[in-house]
Amino acid sequence: MGTTAASVSAALSVPSARSMNLPSATREVPYNSPVSLPLWTPSPARIAGARITAFIRELEAAHDLDLPDYAALYQFSIDRPADFWRAV
């Protein structure tokens, strides 16, 4: 007898999303629907300690920039690809 996801779930008593009446991403949420709330947001301490934050601060210092968020970093990478990739 082969092992299936259903048999493993039954053996471990793990309820399925369907049995718990939870929405299925593939069944009930359209691909292009906007997400209204993030699933998770890092704490300010976690953001401050992140490598990408350190990278942004290094770019700001090296190029006299103000990069307040990821969108600004992304735009910098488009506007000044040589500087961006040199820093990477």
PDB file of N, CA and C in Angstrom:
ATOM      1  N   MET A   1       0.837  -1.184   0.000  1.00  0.00           N
ATOM      2  CA  MET A   1       0.000   0.000   0.000  1.00  0.00           C
ATOM      3  C   MET A   1       0.884   1.251   0.000  1.00  0.00           C
ATOM      4  N   GLY A   2       0.616   2.201  -0.910  1.00  0.00           N
ATOM      5  CA  GLY A   2       1.423   3.408  -1.025  1.00  0.00           C
ATOM      6  C   GLY A   2       1.026   4.460  -0.004  1.00  0.00           C
ATOM      7  N   THR A   3       1.949   5.351   0.252  1.00  0.00           N
ATOM      8  CA  THR A   3       1.685   6.440   1.185  1.00  0.00           C
ATOM      9  C   THR A   3       1.199   7.642   0.392  1.00  0.00           C
ATOM     10  N   THR A   4       0.088   8.209   0.821  1.00  0.00           N
ATOM     11  CA  THR A   4      -0.441   9.402   0.181  1.00  0.00           C
ATOM     12  C   THR A   4      -0.518  10.516   1.204  1.00  0.00           C
ATOM     13  N   ALA A   5      -0.694  11.737   0.723  1.00  0.00           N
ATOM     14  CA  ALA A   5      -0.820  12.878   1.637  1.00  0.00           C
ATOM     15  C   ALA A   5      -2.007  12.674   2.562  1.00  0.00           C
ATOM     16  N   ALA A   6      -3.090  12.114   2.037  1.00  0.00           N
ATOM     17  CA  ALA A   6      -4.286  11.895   2.853  1.00  0.00           C
ATOM     18  C   ALA A   6      -4.010  10.876   3.961  1.00  0.00           C
ATOM     19  N   SER A   7      -3.278   9.805   3.623  1.00  0.00           N
ATOM     20  CA  SER A   7      -3.009   8.795   4.648  1.00  0.00           C
ATOM     21  C   SER A   7      -2.052   9.329   5.709  1.00  0.00           C
ATOM     22  N   VAL A   8      -1.089  10.161   5.297  1.00  0.00           N
ATOM     23  CA  VAL A   8      -0.174  10.759   6.267  1.00  0.00           C
ATOM     24  C   VAL A   8      -0.940  11.717   7.173  1.00  0.00           C
ATOM     25  N   SER A   9      -1.811  12.558   6.584  1.00  0.00           N
ATOM     26  CA  SER A   9      -2.607  13.488   7.384  1.00  0.00           C
ATOM     27  C   SER A   9      -3.504  12.753   8.360  1.00  0.00           C
ATOM     28  N   ALA A  10      -4.126  11.665   7.889  1.00  0.00           N
ATOM     29  CA  ALA A  10      -5.004  10.890   8.764  1.00  0.00           C
ATOM     30  C   ALA A  10      -4.205  10.264   9.899  1.00  0.00           C
ATOM     31  N   ALA A  11      -3.033   9.743   9.582  1.00  0.00           N
ATOM     32  CA  ALA A  11      -2.208   9.096  10.598  1.00  0.00           C
ATOM     33  C   ALA A  11      -1.713  10.097  11.637  1.00  0.00           C
ATOM     34  N   LEU A  12      -1.451  11.308  11.210  1.00  0.00           N
ATOM     35  CA  LEU A  12      -0.945  12.333  12.120  1.00  0.00           C
ATOM     36  C   LEU A  12      -2.062  13.183  12.709  1.00  0.00           C
ATOM     37  N   SER A  13      -3.287  12.916  12.325  1.00  0.00           N
ATOM     38  CA  SER A  13      -4.453  13.690  12.766  1.00  0.00           C
ATOM     39  C   SER A  13      -4.317  15.166  12.418  1.00  0.00           C
ATOM     40  N   VAL A  14      -3.812  15.444  11.235  1.00  0.00           N
ATOM     41  CA  VAL A  14      -3.675  16.819  10.762  1.00  0.00           C
ATOM     42  C   VAL A  14      -4.894  17.137   9.919  1.00  0.00           C
ATOM     43  N   PRO A  15      -5.712  18.092  10.335  1.00  0.00           N
ATOM     44  CA  PRO A  15      -6.898  18.412   9.544  1.00  0.00           C
ATOM     45  C   PRO A  15      -6.508  19.116   8.250  1.00  0.00           C
ATOM     46  N   SER A  16      -7.271  18.904   7.220  1.00  0.00           N
ATOM     47  CA  SER A  16      -7.016  19.579   5.954  1.00  0.00           C
ATOM     48  C   SER A  16      -7.633  20.968   5.988  1.00  0.00           C
ATOM     49  N   ALA A  17      -7.178  21.828   5.093  1.00  0.00           N
ATOM     50  CA  ALA A  17      -7.750  23.171   5.000  1.00  0.00           C
ATOM     51  C   ALA A  17      -9.232  23.088   4.675  1.00  0.00           C
ATOM     52  N   ARG A  18      -9.598  22.135   3.834  1.00  0.00           N
ATOM     53  CA  ARG A  18     -11.011  21.984   3.464  1.00  0.00           C
ATOM     54  C   ARG A  18     -11.854  21.597   4.672  1.00  0.00           C
ATOM     55  N   SER A  19     -11.370  20.645   5.501  1.00  0.00           N
ATOM     56  CA  SER A  19     -12.148  20.216   6.660  1.00  0.00           C
ATOM     57  C   SER A  19     -12.258  21.309   7.710  1.00  0.00           C
ATOM     58  N   MET A  20     -11.319  22.245   7.701  1.00  0.00           N
ATOM     59  CA  MET A  20     -11.358  23.351   8.647  1.00  0.00           C
ATOM     60  C   MET A  20     -12.093  24.561   8.060  1.00  0.00           C
ATOM     61  N   ASN A  21     -12.625  24.419   6.857  1.00  0.00           N
ATOM     62  CA  ASN A  21     -13.323  25.495   6.157  1.00  0.00           C
ATOM     63  C   ASN A  21     -12.437  26.718   5.907  1.00  0.00           C
ATOM     64  N   LEU A  22     -11.158  26.470   5.661  1.00  0.00           N
ATOM     65  CA  LEU A  22     -10.247  27.548   5.319  1.00  0.00           C
ATOM     66  C   LEU A  22     -10.236  27.724   3.806  1.00  0.00           C
ATOM     67  N   PRO A  23     -10.021  28.943   3.323  1.00  0.00           N
ATOM     68  CA  PRO A  23      -9.985  29.138   1.881  1.00  0.00           C
ATOM     69  C   PRO A  23      -8.762  28.466   1.269  1.00  0.00           C
ATOM     70  N   SER A  24      -8.924  27.963   0.109  1.00  0.00           N
ATOM     71  CA  SER A  24      -7.804  27.392  -0.637  1.00  0.00           C
ATOM     72  C   SER A  24      -7.334  28.438  -1.636  1.00  0.00           C
ATOM     73  N   ALA A  25      -6.044  28.713  -1.643  1.00  0.00           N
ATOM     74  CA  ALA A  25      -5.507  29.736  -2.538  1.00  0.00           C
ATOM     75  C   ALA A  25      -5.800  29.417  -3.993  1.00  0.00           C
ATOM     76  N   THR A  26      -5.823  28.141  -4.325  1.00  0.00           N
ATOM     77  CA  THR A  26      -6.045  27.781  -5.722  1.00  0.00           C
ATOM     78  C   THR A  26      -7.513  27.706  -6.076  1.00  0.00           C
ATOM     79  N   ARG A  27      -8.397  27.533  -5.103  1.00  0.00           N
ATOM     80  CA  ARG A  27      -9.821  27.401  -5.387  1.00  0.00           C
ATOM     81  C   ARG A  27     -10.590  28.702  -5.261  1.00  0.00           C
ATOM     82  N   GLU A  28     -10.303  29.484  -4.226  1.00  0.00           N
ATOM     83  CA  GLU A  28     -11.200  30.572  -3.876  1.00  0.00           C
ATOM     84  C   GLU A  28     -10.620  31.974  -4.036  1.00  0.00           C
ATOM     85  N   VAL A  29      -9.323  32.122  -4.129  1.00  0.00           N
ATOM     86  CA  VAL A  29      -8.726  33.444  -4.242  1.00  0.00           C
ATOM     87  C   VAL A  29      -8.206  33.611  -5.664  1.00  0.00           C
ATOM     88  N   PRO A  30      -8.763  34.557  -6.420  1.00  0.00           N
ATOM     89  CA  PRO A  30      -8.297  34.758  -7.789  1.00  0.00           C
ATOM     90  C   PRO A  30      -6.819  35.147  -7.809  1.00  0.00           C
ATOM     91  N   TYR A  31      -6.123  34.756  -8.843  1.00  0.00           N
ATOM     92  CA  TYR A  31      -4.693  35.022  -8.972  1.00  0.00           C
ATOM     93  C   TYR A  31      -4.399  36.511  -8.863  1.00  0.00           C
ATOM     94  N   ASN A  32      -5.227  37.337  -9.467  1.00  0.00           N
ATOM     95  CA  ASN A  32      -4.924  38.763  -9.519  1.00  0.00           C
ATOM     96  C   ASN A  32      -5.578  39.566  -8.400  1.00  0.00           C
ATOM     97  N   SER A  33      -6.096  38.906  -7.375  1.00  0.00           N
ATOM     98  CA  SER A  33      -6.737  39.654  -6.302  1.00  0.00           C
ATOM     99  C   SER A  33      -5.676  40.322  -5.430  1.00  0.00           C
ATOM    100  N   PRO A  34      -5.923  41.556  -5.015  1.00  0.00           N
ATOM    101  CA  PRO A  34      -4.949  42.237  -4.165  1.00  0.00           C
ATOM    102  C   PRO A  34      -5.002  41.675  -2.743  1.00  0.00           C
ATOM    103  N   VAL A  35      -3.864  41.679  -2.098  1.00  0.00           N
ATOM    104  CA  VAL A  35      -3.793  41.246  -0.700  1.00  0.00           C
ATOM    105  C   VAL A  35      -3.917  42.505   0.137  1.00  0.00           C
ATOM    106  N   SER A  36      -4.859  42.526   1.059  1.00  0.00           N
ATOM    107  CA  SER A  36      -5.112  43.749   1.809  1.00  0.00           C
ATOM    108  C   SER A  36      -4.192  43.903   3.018  1.00  0.00           C
ATOM    109  N   LEU A  37      -3.776  42.808   3.638  1.00  0.00           N
ATOM    110  CA  LEU A  37      -2.922  42.874   4.813  1.00  0.00           C
ATOM    111  C   LEU A  37      -1.747  41.926   4.672  1.00  0.00           C
ATOM    112  N   PRO A  38      -0.559  42.347   5.115  1.00  0.00           N
ATOM    113  CA  PRO A  38       0.576  41.417   5.070  1.00  0.00           C
ATOM    114  C   PRO A  38       0.368  40.284   6.066  1.00  0.00           C
ATOM    115  N   LEU A  39       0.914  39.126   5.747  1.00  0.00           N
ATOM    116  CA  LEU A  39       0.832  37.993   6.658  1.00  0.00           C
ATOM    117  C   LEU A  39       1.759  38.173   7.855  1.00  0.00           C
ATOM    118  N   TRP A  40       2.848  38.904   7.646  1.00  0.00           N
ATOM    119  CA  TRP A  40       3.845  39.093   8.689  1.00  0.00           C
ATOM    120  C   TRP A  40       4.585  40.396   8.433  1.00  0.00           C
ATOM    121  N   THR A  41       4.923  41.105   9.479  1.00  0.00           N
ATOM    122  CA  THR A  41       5.711  42.330   9.386  1.00  0.00           C
ATOM    123  C   THR A  41       6.835  42.236  10.399  1.00  0.00           C
ATOM    124  N   PRO A  42       8.078  42.461   9.963  1.00  0.00           N
ATOM    125  CA  PRO A  42       9.187  42.371  10.913  1.00  0.00           C
ATOM    126  C   PRO A  42       9.149  43.517  11.918  1.00  0.00           C
ATOM    127  N   SER A  43       9.716  43.264  13.074  1.00  0.00           N
ATOM    128  CA  SER A  43       9.804  44.293  14.107  1.00  0.00           C
ATOM    129  C   SER A  43      10.836  45.344  13.685  1.00  0.00           C
ATOM    130  N   PRO A  44      10.761  46.535  14.252  1.00  0.00           N
ATOM    131  CA  PRO A  44      11.779  47.551  13.946  1.00  0.00           C
ATOM    132  C   PRO A  44      13.200  47.061  14.252  1.00  0.00           C
ATOM    133  N   ALA A  45      13.366  46.293  15.316  1.00  0.00           N
ATOM    134  CA  ALA A  45      14.693  45.763  15.652  1.00  0.00           C
ATOM    135  C   ALA A  45      15.185  44.797  14.583  1.00  0.00           C
ATOM    136  N   ARG A  46      14.276  43.969  14.080  1.00  0.00           N
ATOM    137  CA  ARG A  46      14.659  43.023  13.036  1.00  0.00           C
ATOM    138  C   ARG A  46      15.032  43.751  11.751  1.00  0.00           C
ATOM    139  N   ILE A  47      14.280  44.782  11.409  1.00  0.00           N
ATOM    140  CA  ILE A  47      14.586  45.583  10.218  1.00  0.00           C
ATOM    141  C   ILE A  47      15.953  46.236  10.374  1.00  0.00           C
ATOM    142  N   ALA A  48      16.213  46.815  11.550  1.00  0.00           N
ATOM    143  CA  ALA A  48      17.487  47.493  11.798  1.00  0.00           C
ATOM    144  C   ALA A  48      18.671  46.531  11.683  1.00  0.00           C
ATOM    145  N   GLY A  49      18.469  45.280  12.064  1.00  0.00           N
ATOM    146  CA  GLY A  49      19.552  44.304  12.033  1.00  0.00           C
ATOM    147  C   GLY A  49      19.666  43.511  10.739  1.00  0.00           C
ATOM    148  N   ALA A  50      18.817  43.797   9.776  1.00  0.00           N
ATOM    149  CA  ALA A  50      18.804  43.020   8.529  1.00  0.00           C
ATOM    150  C   ALA A  50      19.970  43.406   7.615  1.00  0.00           C
ATOM    151  N   ARG A  51      20.452  42.447   6.880  1.00  0.00           N
ATOM    152  CA  ARG A  51      21.552  42.700   5.942  1.00  0.00           C
ATOM    153  C   ARG A  51      21.170  43.722   4.881  1.00  0.00           C
ATOM    154  N   ILE A  52      19.926  43.667   4.414  1.00  0.00           N
ATOM    155  CA  ILE A  52      19.528  44.614   3.368  1.00  0.00           C
ATOM    156  C   ILE A  52      19.516  46.041   3.906  1.00  0.00           C
ATOM    157  N   THR A  53      19.199  46.203   5.190  1.00  0.00           N
ATOM    158  CA  THR A  53      19.247  47.529   5.802  1.00  0.00           C
ATOM    159  C   THR A  53      20.680  48.035   5.847  1.00  0.00           C
ATOM    160  N   ALA A  54      21.604  47.168   6.215  1.00  0.00           N
ATOM    161  CA  ALA A  54      23.025  47.546   6.224  1.00  0.00           C
ATOM    162  C   ALA A  54      23.492  47.902   4.815  1.00  0.00           C
ATOM    163  N   PHE A  55      23.055  47.141   3.834  1.00  0.00           N
ATOM    164  CA  PHE A  55      23.418  47.415   2.440  1.00  0.00           C
ATOM    165  C   PHE A  55      22.888  48.785   2.009  1.00  0.00           C
ATOM    166  N   ILE A  56      21.646  49.085   2.353  1.00  0.00           N
ATOM    167  CA  ILE A  56      21.062  50.387   2.014  1.00  0.00           C
ATOM    168  C   ILE A  56      21.861  51.509   2.666  1.00  0.00           C
ATOM    169  N   ARG A  57      22.214  51.347   3.946  1.00  0.00           N
ATOM    170  CA  ARG A  57      22.977  52.387   4.641  1.00  0.00           C
ATOM    171  C   ARG A  57      24.351  52.589   4.005  1.00  0.00           C
ATOM    172  N   GLU A  58      25.004  51.497   3.562  1.00  0.00           N
ATOM    173  CA  GLU A  58      26.300  51.614   2.879  1.00  0.00           C
ATOM    174  C   GLU A  58      26.157  52.392   1.574  1.00  0.00           C
ATOM    175  N   LEU A  59      25.107  52.101   0.814  1.00  0.00           N
ATOM    176  CA  LEU A  59      24.870  52.844  -0.430  1.00  0.00           C
ATOM    177  C   LEU A  59      24.607  54.315  -0.145  1.00  0.00           C
ATOM    178  N   GLU A  60      23.806  54.586   0.872  1.00  0.00           N
ATOM    179  CA  GLU A  60      23.503  55.975   1.224  1.00  0.00           C
ATOM    180  C   GLU A  60      24.786  56.743   1.544  1.00  0.00           C
ATOM    181  N   ALA A  61      25.667  56.133   2.320  1.00  0.00           N
ATOM    182  CA  ALA A  61      26.912  56.795   2.715  1.00  0.00           C
ATOM    183  C   ALA A  61      27.857  56.961   1.527  1.00  0.00           C
ATOM    184  N   ALA A  62      27.964  55.944   0.714  1.00  0.00           N
ATOM    185  CA  ALA A  62      28.908  55.971  -0.405  1.00  0.00           C
ATOM    186  C   ALA A  62      28.480  56.924  -1.521  1.00  0.00           C
ATOM    187  N   HIS A  63      27.174  57.110  -1.677  1.00  0.00           N
ATOM    188  CA  HIS A  63      26.678  57.895  -2.822  1.00  0.00           C
ATOM    189  C   HIS A  63      25.853  59.109  -2.406  1.00  0.00           C
ATOM    190  N   ASP A  64      25.910  59.476  -1.125  1.00  0.00           N
ATOM    191  CA  ASP A  64      25.175  60.625  -0.603  1.00  0.00           C
ATOM    192  C   ASP A  64      23.704  60.574  -1.033  1.00  0.00           C
ATOM    193  N   LEU A  65      23.046  59.480  -0.635  1.00  0.00           N
ATOM    194  CA  LEU A  65      21.658  59.235  -1.016  1.00  0.00           C
ATOM    195  C   LEU A  65      20.759  59.163   0.200  1.00  0.00           C
ATOM    196  N   ASP A  66      19.467  59.228  -0.055  1.00  0.00           N
ATOM    197  CA  ASP A  66      18.452  58.927   0.940  1.00  0.00           C
ATOM    198  C   ASP A  66      17.594  57.818   0.356  1.00  0.00           C
ATOM    199  N   LEU A  67      17.753  56.605   0.871  1.00  0.00           N
ATOM    200  CA  LEU A  67      16.984  55.451   0.409  1.00  0.00           C
ATOM    201  C   LEU A  67      16.113  54.983   1.575  1.00  0.00           C
ATOM    202  N   PRO A  68      14.916  55.556   1.718  1.00  0.00           N
ATOM    203  CA  PRO A  68      14.101  55.269   2.901  1.00  0.00           C
ATOM    204  C   PRO A  68      13.457  53.893   2.930  1.00  0.00           C
ATOM    205  N   ASP A  69      13.401  53.205   1.783  1.00  0.00           N
ATOM    206  CA  ASP A  69      12.710  51.916   1.763  1.00  0.00           C
ATOM    207  C   ASP A  69      13.200  51.080   0.582  1.00  0.00           C
ATOM    208  N   TYR A  70      12.649  49.878   0.491  1.00  0.00           N
ATOM    209  CA  TYR A  70      13.045  48.955  -0.573  1.00  0.00           C
ATOM    210  C   TYR A  70      12.725  49.518  -1.946  1.00  0.00           C
ATOM    211  N   ALA A  71      11.595  50.216  -2.083  1.00  0.00           N
ATOM    212  CA  ALA A  71      11.228  50.796  -3.376  1.00  0.00           C
ATOM    213  C   ALA A  71      12.296  51.782  -3.849  1.00  0.00           C
ATOM    214  N   ALA A  72      12.849  52.567  -2.930  1.00  0.00           N
ATOM    215  CA  ALA A  72      13.910  53.511  -3.286  1.00  0.00           C
ATOM    216  C   ALA A  72      15.185  52.766  -3.695  1.00  0.00           C
ATOM    217  N   LEU A  73      15.497  51.682  -2.996  1.00  0.00           N
ATOM    218  CA  LEU A  73      16.647  50.857  -3.378  1.00  0.00           C
ATOM    219  C   LEU A  73      16.452  50.279  -4.770  1.00  0.00           C
ATOM    220  N   TYR A  74      15.273  49.774  -5.021  1.00  0.00           N
ATOM    221  CA  TYR A  74      14.952  49.215  -6.344  1.00  0.00           C
ATOM    222  C   TYR A  74      15.117  50.283  -7.427  1.00  0.00           C
ATOM    223  N   GLN A  75      14.595  51.480  -7.180  1.00  0.00           N
ATOM    224  CA  GLN A  75      14.713  52.551  -8.171  1.00  0.00           C
ATOM    225  C   GLN A  75      16.177  52.925  -8.394  1.00  0.00           C
ATOM    226  N   PHE A  76      16.964  52.965  -7.318  1.00  0.00           N
ATOM    227  CA  PHE A  76      18.394  53.238  -7.450  1.00  0.00           C
ATOM    228  C   PHE A  76      19.056  52.191  -8.343  1.00  0.00           C
ATOM    229  N   SER A  77      18.684  50.934  -8.173  1.00  0.00           N
ATOM    230  CA  SER A  77      19.284  49.860  -8.980  1.00  0.00           C
ATOM    231  C   SER A  77      18.950  50.019 -10.460  1.00  0.00           C
ATOM    232  N   ILE A  78      17.809  50.624 -10.755  1.00  0.00           N
ATOM    233  CA  ILE A  78      17.416  50.868 -12.151  1.00  0.00           C
ATOM    234  C   ILE A  78      18.109  52.116 -12.694  1.00  0.00           C
ATOM    235  N   ASP A  79      18.131  53.176 -11.877  1.00  0.00           N
ATOM    236  CA  ASP A  79      18.707  54.447 -12.321  1.00  0.00           C
ATOM    237  C   ASP A  79      20.228  54.404 -12.429  1.00  0.00           C
ATOM    238  N   ARG A  80      20.865  53.641 -11.540  1.00  0.00           N
ATOM    239  CA  ARG A  80      22.330  53.613 -11.492  1.00  0.00           C
ATOM    240  C   ARG A  80      22.825  52.173 -11.341  1.00  0.00           C
ATOM    241  N   PRO A  81      22.601  51.367 -12.380  1.00  0.00           N
ATOM    242  CA  PRO A  81      22.948  49.935 -12.264  1.00  0.00           C
ATOM    243  C   PRO A  81      24.427  49.678 -11.996  1.00  0.00           C
ATOM    244  N   ALA A  82      25.314  50.473 -12.566  1.00  0.00           N
ATOM    245  CA  ALA A  82      26.741  50.239 -12.339  1.00  0.00           C
ATOM    246  C   ALA A  82      27.087  50.424 -10.868  1.00  0.00           C
ATOM    247  N   ASP A  83      26.584  51.498 -10.263  1.00  0.00           N
ATOM    248  CA  ASP A  83      26.839  51.738  -8.841  1.00  0.00           C
ATOM    249  C   ASP A  83      26.210  50.664  -7.977  1.00  0.00           C
ATOM    250  N   PHE A  84      25.010  50.259  -8.337  1.00  0.00           N
ATOM    251  CA  PHE A  84      24.321  49.225  -7.573  1.00  0.00           C
ATOM    252  C   PHE A  84      25.106  47.913  -7.604  1.00  0.00           C
ATOM    253  N   TRP A  85      25.450  47.447  -8.795  1.00  0.00           N
ATOM    254  CA  TRP A  85      26.121  46.151  -8.904  1.00  0.00           C
ATOM    255  C   TRP A  85      27.552  46.193  -8.369  1.00  0.00           C
ATOM    256  N   ARG A  86      28.191  47.339  -8.424  1.00  0.00           N
ATOM    257  CA  ARG A  86      29.514  47.456  -7.829  1.00  0.00           C
ATOM    258  C   ARG A  86      29.413  47.269  -6.315  1.00  0.00           C
ATOM    259  N   ALA A  87      28.353  47.784  -5.730  1.00  0.00           N
ATOM    260  CA  ALA A  87      28.161  47.662  -4.276  1.00  0.00           C
ATOM    261  C   ALA A  87      27.772  46.250  -3.855  1.00  0.00           C
ATOM    262  N   VAL A  88      27.062  45.555  -4.726  1.00  0.00           N
ATOM    263  CA  VAL A  88      26.653  44.182  -4.399  1.00  0.00           C
ATOM    264  C   VAL A  88      27.897  43.336  -4.286  1.00  0.00           C
TER     265      VAL A  88
END
